[in-house]
Amino acid sequence: MTIAPTQARRYTAEEYLALEVESNIRNEYRNGEIIPMTGGTPEHNEITGNLVFLLKSALKGQPYSIFVTNQRLWIPDLDLYTYPDVMVTRRPLELKPGRRDTIMNPILLVEVLSDSTQGYDRGDKFEAYRSISAFQEYLLIDQYKPHVEQFVRQSENQWLFIEYNGLEAQIGLASVPVELVLKDLYEGVIGE
């Protein structure tokens, strides 16, 4: 006997947002589908925490807000809702109309790569992020070795790619006045 595949249920953005308020886990919303976001590894969380600490320290007293993992981002052109690992905005925040929990104006987005999401983070997700007019810079951080990929917007359709390897490498961020040393980013993860 053959069982016919069932069609995945499609949700409206309003249904997704209502469900998300009650959910114990974070879910991404793409093209009518609700996709559960998996939990991170200890390395993923160490790197994310280190980066947020470094950004907060360097940007203290400046007109930027830094968000981690649980802050939802809306990409209006695609009606995509997602949760970047780290997000930096210039104040004032631009929120989705009618919402107090969904940001629209990131200048820096960061993803800590995992085996299960790195293809999406490099491909469709980066393409979606590029449709945000305020978005200027993207960092992809390898959680298993000291390796960071930086993409910096040069013009509407042109991005500069810079690759950093090794714990002594230094990253000059373009969207915010911050210098990062990979040794600090990977503290507690690599080289201990």
C-alpha atoms as a PDB file:
ATOM      1  CA  MET A   1       0.000   0.000   0.000  1.00  0.00           C
ATOM      2  CA  THR A   2       1.304   3.446  -0.916  1.00  0.00           C
ATOM      3  CA  ILE A   3       0.601   6.399   1.302  1.00  0.00           C
ATOM      4  CA  ALA A   4       0.251   9.704  -0.471  1.00  0.00           C
ATOM      5  CA  PRO A   5       2.380  12.484   1.002  1.00  0.00           C
ATOM      6  CA  THR A   6       0.407  15.042   2.927  1.00  0.00           C
ATOM      7  CA  GLN A   7       0.568  18.720   2.131  1.00  0.00           C
ATOM      8  CA  ALA A   8       2.234  20.810   4.829  1.00  0.00           C
ATOM      9  CA  ARG A   9      -0.175  23.267   6.371  1.00  0.00           C
ATOM     10  CA  ARG A  10       0.245  26.856   5.194  1.00  0.00           C
ATOM     11  CA  TYR A  11      -0.106  29.672   7.710  1.00  0.00           C
ATOM     12  CA  THR A  12      -0.724  33.364   7.314  1.00  0.00           C
ATOM     13  CA  ALA A  13       1.757  35.756   8.896  1.00  0.00           C
ATOM     14  CA  GLU A  14      -0.911  36.719  11.427  1.00  0.00           C
ATOM     15  CA  GLU A  15      -1.432  33.062  12.412  1.00  0.00           C
ATOM     16  CA  TYR A  16       2.329  32.609  12.769  1.00  0.00           C
ATOM     17  CA  LEU A  17       2.691  35.683  14.996  1.00  0.00           C
ATOM     18  CA  ALA A  18      -0.207  34.537  17.205  1.00  0.00           C
ATOM     19  CA  LEU A  19       1.330  31.059  17.558  1.00  0.00           C
ATOM     20  CA  GLU A  20       4.789  32.499  18.200  1.00  0.00           C
ATOM     21  CA  VAL A  21       3.550  34.411  21.262  1.00  0.00           C
ATOM     22  CA  GLU A  22       2.533  31.113  22.883  1.00  0.00           C
ATOM     23  CA  SER A  23       5.453  28.999  21.637  1.00  0.00           C
ATOM     24  CA  ASN A  24       8.210  27.712  23.920  1.00  0.00           C
ATOM     25  CA  ILE A  25      10.603  27.527  20.967  1.00  0.00           C
ATOM     26  CA  ARG A  26      11.575  30.001  18.268  1.00  0.00           C
ATOM     27  CA  ASN A  27      10.148  29.425  14.811  1.00  0.00           C
ATOM     28  CA  GLU A  28      11.016  30.979  11.499  1.00  0.00           C
ATOM     29  CA  TYR A  29       8.251  31.890   9.061  1.00  0.00           C
ATOM     30  CA  ARG A  30       8.990  31.348   5.350  1.00  0.00           C
ATOM     31  CA  ASN A  31       6.474  31.291   2.502  1.00  0.00           C
ATOM     32  CA  GLY A  32       3.593  30.245   4.731  1.00  0.00           C
ATOM     33  CA  GLU A  33       5.592  27.565   6.550  1.00  0.00           C
ATOM     34  CA  ILE A  34       6.555  27.584  10.216  1.00  0.00           C
ATOM     35  CA  ILE A  35      10.035  26.119  10.678  1.00  0.00           C
ATOM     36  CA  PRO A  36      11.271  25.305  14.216  1.00  0.00           C
ATOM     37  CA  MET A  37      14.718  26.704  14.993  1.00  0.00           C
ATOM     38  CA  THR A  38      17.047  24.145  16.512  1.00  0.00           C
ATOM     39  CA  GLY A  39      18.994  24.742  19.704  1.00  0.00           C
ATOM     40  CA  GLY A  40      22.665  25.616  19.535  1.00  0.00           C
ATOM     41  CA  THR A  41      25.771  23.827  20.764  1.00  0.00           C
ATOM     42  CA  PRO A  42      27.822  25.063  23.731  1.00  0.00           C
ATOM     43  CA  GLU A  43      30.387  26.399  21.220  1.00  0.00           C
ATOM     44  CA  HIS A  44      27.657  28.286  19.349  1.00  0.00           C
ATOM     45  CA  ASN A  45      26.454  29.881  22.574  1.00  0.00           C
ATOM     46  CA  GLU A  46      29.975  30.757  23.782  1.00  0.00           C
ATOM     47  CA  ILE A  47      30.787  32.501  20.498  1.00  0.00           C
ATOM     48  CA  THR A  48      27.468  34.356  20.448  1.00  0.00           C
ATOM     49  CA  GLY A  49      27.936  35.465  24.062  1.00  0.00           C
ATOM     50  CA  ASN A  50      31.514  36.568  23.409  1.00  0.00           C
ATOM     51  CA  LEU A  51      30.458  38.600  20.374  1.00  0.00           C
ATOM     52  CA  VAL A  52      27.614  40.328  22.203  1.00  0.00           C
ATOM     53  CA  PHE A  53      29.968  41.193  25.085  1.00  0.00           C
ATOM     54  CA  LEU A  54      32.595  42.593  22.685  1.00  0.00           C
ATOM     55  CA  LEU A  55      30.014  44.632  20.765  1.00  0.00           C
ATOM     56  CA  LYS A  56      28.315  45.959  23.928  1.00  0.00           C
ATOM     57  CA  SER A  57      31.684  46.969  25.405  1.00  0.00           C
ATOM     58  CA  ALA A  58      32.875  48.706  22.242  1.00  0.00           C
ATOM     59  CA  LEU A  59      29.580  50.455  21.470  1.00  0.00           C
ATOM     60  CA  LYS A  60      28.664  51.596  24.991  1.00  0.00           C
ATOM     61  CA  GLY A  61      27.191  55.101  24.912  1.00  0.00           C
ATOM     62  CA  GLN A  62      26.782  55.074  21.127  1.00  0.00           C
ATOM     63  CA  PRO A  63      23.476  55.045  19.206  1.00  0.00           C
ATOM     64  CA  TYR A  64      23.322  51.289  18.580  1.00  0.00           C
ATOM     65  CA  SER A  65      21.223  48.434  19.939  1.00  0.00           C
ATOM     66  CA  ILE A  66      22.545  44.862  20.071  1.00  0.00           C
ATOM     67  CA  PHE A  67      20.236  41.864  20.093  1.00  0.00           C
ATOM     68  CA  VAL A  68      20.886  38.169  20.484  1.00  0.00           C
ATOM     69  CA  THR A  69      19.069  35.064  19.248  1.00  0.00           C
ATOM     70  CA  ASN A  70      15.579  35.700  20.657  1.00  0.00           C
ATOM     71  CA  GLN A  71      14.896  38.961  18.811  1.00  0.00           C
ATOM     72  CA  ARG A  72      12.707  38.523  15.748  1.00  0.00           C
ATOM     73  CA  LEU A  73      13.549  40.209  12.443  1.00  0.00           C
ATOM     74  CA  TRP A  74      10.949  40.850   9.739  1.00  0.00           C
ATOM     75  CA  ILE A  75      11.967  41.124   6.094  1.00  0.00           C
ATOM     76  CA  PRO A  76       8.993  42.904   4.489  1.00  0.00           C
ATOM     77  CA  ASP A  77       9.836  42.260   0.820  1.00  0.00           C
ATOM     78  CA  LEU A  78       9.627  38.505   1.435  1.00  0.00           C
ATOM     79  CA  ASP A  79       7.284  38.480   4.449  1.00  0.00           C
ATOM     80  CA  LEU A  80       9.991  36.438   6.191  1.00  0.00           C
ATOM     81  CA  TYR A  81      10.334  36.308   9.969  1.00  0.00           C
ATOM     82  CA  THR A  82      13.609  34.992  11.362  1.00  0.00           C
ATOM     83  CA  TYR A  83      15.903  35.115  14.386  1.00  0.00           C
ATOM     84  CA  PRO A  84      19.521  36.047  13.578  1.00  0.00           C
ATOM     85  CA  ASP A  85      22.129  34.913  16.103  1.00  0.00           C
ATOM     86  CA  VAL A  86      23.232  38.530  16.627  1.00  0.00           C
ATOM     87  CA  MET A  87      21.701  41.704  15.231  1.00  0.00           C
ATOM     88  CA  VAL A  88      22.853  45.320  15.537  1.00  0.00           C
ATOM     89  CA  THR A  89      20.624  48.274  14.709  1.00  0.00           C
ATOM     90  CA  ARG A  90      21.197  51.978  14.695  1.00  0.00           C
ATOM     91  CA  ARG A  91      18.763  53.797  16.991  1.00  0.00           C
ATOM     92  CA  PRO A  92      15.948  54.533  16.764  1.00  0.00           C
ATOM     93  CA  LEU A  93      14.597  51.028  16.242  1.00  0.00           C
ATOM     94  CA  GLU A  94      12.285  50.517  13.323  1.00  0.00           C
ATOM     95  CA  LEU A  95       9.593  48.069  14.391  1.00  0.00           C
ATOM     96  CA  LYS A  96       7.032  46.263  12.274  1.00  0.00           C
ATOM     97  CA  PRO A  97       3.870  48.385  12.333  1.00  0.00           C
ATOM     98  CA  GLY A  98       1.543  47.191  15.079  1.00  0.00           C
ATOM     99  CA  ARG A  99       4.277  45.088  16.784  1.00  0.00           C
ATOM    100  CA  ARG A 100       6.679  45.827  19.630  1.00  0.00           C
ATOM    101  CA  ASP A 101       8.708  42.632  19.215  1.00  0.00           C
ATOM    102  CA  THR A 102       9.776  42.588  15.571  1.00  0.00           C
ATOM    103  CA  ILE A 103      12.679  44.650  14.198  1.00  0.00           C
ATOM    104  CA  MET A 104      13.076  45.818  10.600  1.00  0.00           C
ATOM    105  CA  ASN A 105      16.302  47.881  10.431  1.00  0.00           C
ATOM    106  CA  PRO A 106      19.445  45.839  11.183  1.00  0.00           C
ATOM    107  CA  ILE A 107      22.764  47.177   9.949  1.00  0.00           C
ATOM    108  CA  LEU A 108      24.826  44.156  11.043  1.00  0.00           C
ATOM    109  CA  LEU A 109      23.620  40.550  11.069  1.00  0.00           C
ATOM    110  CA  VAL A 110      25.656  37.612  12.358  1.00  0.00           C
ATOM    111  CA  GLU A 111      25.112  33.874  12.049  1.00  0.00           C
ATOM    112  CA  VAL A 112      27.211  31.274  13.854  1.00  0.00           C
ATOM    113  CA  LEU A 113      27.329  28.415  11.376  1.00  0.00           C
ATOM    114  CA  SER A 114      26.162  24.911  12.173  1.00  0.00           C
ATOM    115  CA  ASP A 115      26.270  21.836   9.973  1.00  0.00           C
ATOM    116  CA  SER A 116      22.495  21.903   9.535  1.00  0.00           C
ATOM    117  CA  THR A 117      22.083  25.617   8.701  1.00  0.00           C
ATOM    118  CA  GLN A 118      25.263  26.781   6.974  1.00  0.00           C
ATOM    119  CA  GLY A 119      23.912  26.230   3.455  1.00  0.00           C
ATOM    120  CA  TYR A 120      20.784  28.241   4.228  1.00  0.00           C
ATOM    121  CA  ASP A 121      22.750  30.956   6.086  1.00  0.00           C
ATOM    122  CA  ARG A 122      25.089  31.414   3.104  1.00  0.00           C
ATOM    123  CA  GLY A 123      22.393  31.119   0.442  1.00  0.00           C
ATOM    124  CA  ASP A 124      18.694  31.902   0.751  1.00  0.00           C
ATOM    125  CA  LYS A 125      18.974  33.641   4.116  1.00  0.00           C
ATOM    126  CA  PHE A 126      21.755  35.964   2.942  1.00  0.00           C
ATOM    127  CA  GLU A 127      19.757  36.703  -0.206  1.00  0.00           C
ATOM    128  CA  ALA A 128      16.752  37.612   1.960  1.00  0.00           C
ATOM    129  CA  TYR A 129      18.878  39.781   4.248  1.00  0.00           C
ATOM    130  CA  ARG A 130      20.222  41.700   1.245  1.00  0.00           C
ATOM    131  CA  SER A 131      16.688  42.934   0.493  1.00  0.00           C
ATOM    132  CA  ILE A 132      16.774  45.023   3.722  1.00  0.00           C
ATOM    133  CA  SER A 133      17.800  48.555   2.766  1.00  0.00           C
ATOM    134  CA  ALA A 134      19.476  49.345   6.133  1.00  0.00           C
ATOM    135  CA  PHE A 135      21.533  46.107   6.106  1.00  0.00           C
ATOM    136  CA  GLN A 136      25.252  46.830   5.586  1.00  0.00           C
ATOM    137  CA  GLU A 137      27.275  43.902   6.891  1.00  0.00           C
ATOM    138  CA  TYR A 138      27.051  40.143   7.390  1.00  0.00           C
ATOM    139  CA  LEU A 139      29.351  37.917   9.446  1.00  0.00           C
ATOM    140  CA  LEU A 140      29.384  34.127   9.209  1.00  0.00           C
ATOM    141  CA  ILE A 141      31.299  32.571  12.087  1.00  0.00           C
ATOM    142  CA  ASP A 142      32.532  28.967  12.032  1.00  0.00           C
ATOM    143  CA  GLN A 143      31.962  27.429  15.457  1.00  0.00           C
ATOM    144  CA  TYR A 144      34.569  24.666  15.050  1.00  0.00           C
ATOM    145  CA  LYS A 145      37.659  26.583  13.920  1.00  0.00           C
ATOM    146  CA  PRO A 146      38.791  30.229  13.972  1.00  0.00           C
ATOM    147  CA  HIS A 147      37.299  31.261  10.650  1.00  0.00           C
ATOM    148  CA  VAL A 148      35.009  34.221   9.896  1.00  0.00           C
ATOM    149  CA  GLU A 149      33.541  35.382   6.593  1.00  0.00           C
ATOM    150  CA  GLN A 150      32.653  39.067   6.323  1.00  0.00           C
ATOM    151  CA  PHE A 151      30.420  40.564   3.653  1.00  0.00           C
ATOM    152  CA  VAL A 152      30.260  44.365   3.406  1.00  0.00           C
ATOM    153  CA  ARG A 153      27.790  46.219   1.169  1.00  0.00           C
ATOM    154  CA  GLN A 154      29.606  48.420  -1.343  1.00  0.00           C
ATOM    155  CA  SER A 155      26.564  49.482  -3.358  1.00  0.00           C
ATOM    156  CA  GLU A 156      23.033  48.206  -3.916  1.00  0.00           C
ATOM    157  CA  ASN A 157      24.107  45.021  -5.718  1.00  0.00           C
ATOM    158  CA  GLN A 158      27.777  44.759  -4.792  1.00  0.00           C
ATOM    159  CA  TRP A 159      29.281  43.131  -1.697  1.00  0.00           C
ATOM    160  CA  LEU A 160      32.908  42.877  -0.612  1.00  0.00           C
ATOM    161  CA  PHE A 161      33.937  39.459   0.764  1.00  0.00           C
ATOM    162  CA  ILE A 162      36.787  39.187   3.285  1.00  0.00           C
ATOM    163  CA  GLU A 163      37.895  35.965   4.969  1.00  0.00           C
ATOM    164  CA  TYR A 164      39.687  35.724   8.332  1.00  0.00           C
ATOM    165  CA  ASN A 165      41.567  32.671   9.636  1.00  0.00           C
ATOM    166  CA  GLY A 166      43.459  31.990  12.852  1.00  0.00           C
ATOM    167  CA  LEU A 167      43.150  33.307  16.386  1.00  0.00           C
ATOM    168  CA  GLU A 168      45.381  36.332  15.712  1.00  0.00           C
ATOM    169  CA  ALA A 169      43.234  37.631  12.835  1.00  0.00           C
ATOM    170  CA  GLN A 170      41.556  41.006  13.356  1.00  0.00           C
ATOM    171  CA  ILE A 171      38.256  42.086  11.832  1.00  0.00           C
ATOM    172  CA  GLY A 172      37.487  45.742  11.262  1.00  0.00           C
ATOM    173  CA  LEU A 173      33.711  46.011  11.153  1.00  0.00           C
ATOM    174  CA  ALA A 174      32.353  48.423   8.565  1.00  0.00           C
ATOM    175  CA  SER A 175      28.842  48.995   9.930  1.00  0.00           C
ATOM    176  CA  VAL A 176      29.924  49.925  13.468  1.00  0.00           C
ATOM    177  CA  PRO A 177      33.229  51.289  14.840  1.00  0.00           C
ATOM    178  CA  VAL A 178      34.460  47.985  16.274  1.00  0.00           C
ATOM    179  CA  GLU A 179      37.622  45.904  15.855  1.00  0.00           C
ATOM    180  CA  LEU A 180      37.354  42.212  16.736  1.00  0.00           C
ATOM    181  CA  VAL A 181      40.223  39.796  17.391  1.00  0.00           C
ATOM    182  CA  LEU A 182      39.299  36.176  16.709  1.00  0.00           C
ATOM    183  CA  LYS A 183      41.097  35.113  19.913  1.00  0.00           C
ATOM    184  CA  ASP A 184      38.506  37.134  21.887  1.00  0.00           C
ATOM    185  CA  LEU A 185      35.620  35.879  19.780  1.00  0.00           C
ATOM    186  CA  TYR A 186      36.615  32.227  20.326  1.00  0.00           C
ATOM    187  CA  GLU A 187      37.539  32.577  24.024  1.00  0.00           C
ATOM    188  CA  GLY A 188      36.439  29.451  25.878  1.00  0.00           C
ATOM    189  CA  VAL A 189      35.949  27.565  22.611  1.00  0.00           C
ATOM    190  CA  ILE A 190      39.288  27.197  20.812  1.00  0.00           C
ATOM    191  CA  GLY A 191      42.815  27.386  22.168  1.00  0.00           C
ATOM    192  CA  GLU A 192      41.923  26.636  25.768  1.00  0.00           C
END
